[in-house]
Amino acid sequence: MRMSMVLTVRMAPQKLAQLDRRAAELGRDRCGYVRSLIEEDLKSAPKVRKRVFASGDLVGCVATGIKSGDNAIVRKVIRERVLARQPSLSSLKFS
């Protein structure tokens, strides 16, 4: 593994002393300890979903032909339009 980037972190001297003590307890140097913490955190991070619906507000983003409504009504209109064009999708559950 090639180490090519430098990370600089500013912290209070007391916190740095705590970090050094903890690293020594684990038999590591400061850099190795910090790298291991970062690696562990990145491994435990949840997988990023590729596609995320970015807005909870559907109202106004689709021409529905209705004067007012909420997200549930807009979803219903969209679902009806999709099913009208693709009847084979009627067995799928749209939430």
Protein backbone atom coordinates (compact mmCIF):
# COMPACT_ATOMS: atom_id res chain seq x y z
CA MET A 1 0.00 0.00 0.00
CA ARG A 2 1.51 3.29 -1.10
CA MET A 3 1.22 6.20 1.33
CA SER A 4 1.27 9.38 -0.67
CA MET A 5 -1.05 11.90 0.96
CA VAL A 6 -0.53 13.88 4.14
CA LEU A 7 -3.30 14.66 6.60
CA THR A 8 -2.81 17.45 9.10
CA VAL A 9 -5.08 17.65 12.12
CA ARG A 10 -5.08 20.47 14.62
CA MET A 11 -5.98 19.56 18.19
CA ALA A 12 -5.42 20.73 21.71
CA PRO A 13 -2.16 19.61 23.34
CA GLN A 14 -4.10 17.69 26.02
CA LYS A 15 -5.99 15.75 23.36
CA LEU A 16 -2.75 14.98 21.51
CA ALA A 17 -1.23 13.68 24.75
CA GLN A 18 -4.27 11.42 25.25
CA LEU A 19 -3.91 10.18 21.68
CA ASP A 20 -0.22 9.41 22.19
CA ARG A 21 -0.94 7.57 25.46
CA ARG A 22 -3.64 5.45 23.85
CA ALA A 23 -1.44 4.64 20.88
CA ALA A 24 1.36 3.59 23.25
CA GLU A 25 -1.07 1.37 25.21
CA LEU A 26 -1.84 -0.41 21.96
CA GLY A 27 1.81 -0.64 20.96
CA ARG A 28 1.41 1.68 18.02
CA ASP A 29 2.80 5.02 17.01
CA ARG A 30 0.54 8.03 16.60
CA CYS A 31 0.19 7.71 12.81
CA GLY A 32 -0.51 3.99 12.90
CA TYR A 33 -3.13 4.45 15.58
CA VAL A 34 -4.94 7.24 13.72
CA ARG A 35 -4.78 5.28 10.43
CA SER A 36 -6.28 2.22 12.14
CA LEU A 37 -9.13 4.30 13.55
CA ILE A 38 -9.89 5.73 10.13
CA GLU A 39 -9.72 2.30 8.46
CA GLU A 40 -12.05 0.76 11.05
CA ASP A 41 -14.53 3.60 10.68
CA LEU A 42 -14.54 3.36 6.89
CA LYS A 43 -15.06 -0.42 7.02
CA SER A 44 -18.04 -0.04 9.33
CA ALA A 45 -19.66 2.79 7.34
CA PRO A 46 -22.98 1.83 5.77
CA LYS A 47 -22.93 1.12 2.06
CA VAL A 48 -23.92 4.14 0.02
CA ARG A 49 -27.09 3.65 -1.94
CA LYS A 50 -26.55 4.36 -5.61
CA ARG A 51 -29.90 6.00 -6.16
CA VAL A 52 -31.56 8.05 -3.51
CA PHE A 53 -34.76 9.97 -3.93
CA ALA A 54 -33.50 13.42 -3.07
CA SER A 55 -36.75 15.11 -2.18
CA GLY A 56 -39.69 14.18 -0.04
CA ASP A 57 -41.71 16.85 -1.79
CA LEU A 58 -43.27 15.57 -5.01
CA VAL A 59 -45.89 18.29 -5.13
CA GLY A 60 -45.15 20.58 -8.05
CA CYS A 61 -42.58 18.37 -9.76
CA VAL A 62 -45.15 16.52 -11.90
CA ALA A 63 -47.98 18.06 -13.89
CA THR A 64 -50.90 16.19 -12.35
CA GLY A 65 -53.80 18.26 -13.55
CA ILE A 66 -55.06 18.68 -9.99
CA LYS A 67 -55.15 21.99 -8.17
CA SER A 68 -53.79 20.76 -4.86
CA GLY A 69 -52.53 17.58 -3.32
CA ASP A 70 -49.89 15.94 -1.23
CA ASN A 71 -47.13 13.45 -1.95
CA ALA A 72 -49.50 10.50 -1.65
CA ILE A 73 -51.80 11.94 -4.31
CA VAL A 74 -48.90 12.72 -6.63
CA ARG A 75 -47.53 9.17 -6.19
CA LYS A 76 -50.99 7.80 -6.99
CA VAL A 77 -51.20 9.86 -10.19
CA ILE A 78 -47.71 8.77 -11.26
CA ARG A 79 -48.51 5.11 -10.48
CA GLU A 80 -51.73 5.29 -12.55
CA ARG A 81 -49.86 6.81 -15.49
CA VAL A 82 -47.14 4.15 -15.38
CA LEU A 83 -49.69 1.34 -15.18
CA ALA A 84 -51.69 2.83 -18.05
CA ARG A 85 -48.57 2.71 -20.24
CA GLN A 86 -47.21 -0.59 -18.90
CA PRO A 87 -50.07 -2.88 -17.78
CA SER A 88 -47.56 -5.70 -17.24
CA LEU A 89 -46.30 -3.80 -14.20
CA SER A 90 -49.64 -4.10 -12.42
CA SER A 91 -48.38 -7.04 -10.36
CA LEU A 92 -45.56 -4.89 -8.89
CA LYS A 93 -46.11 -3.11 -5.63
CA PHE A 94 -45.40 0.60 -5.81
CA SER A 95 -44.98 2.35 -2.50
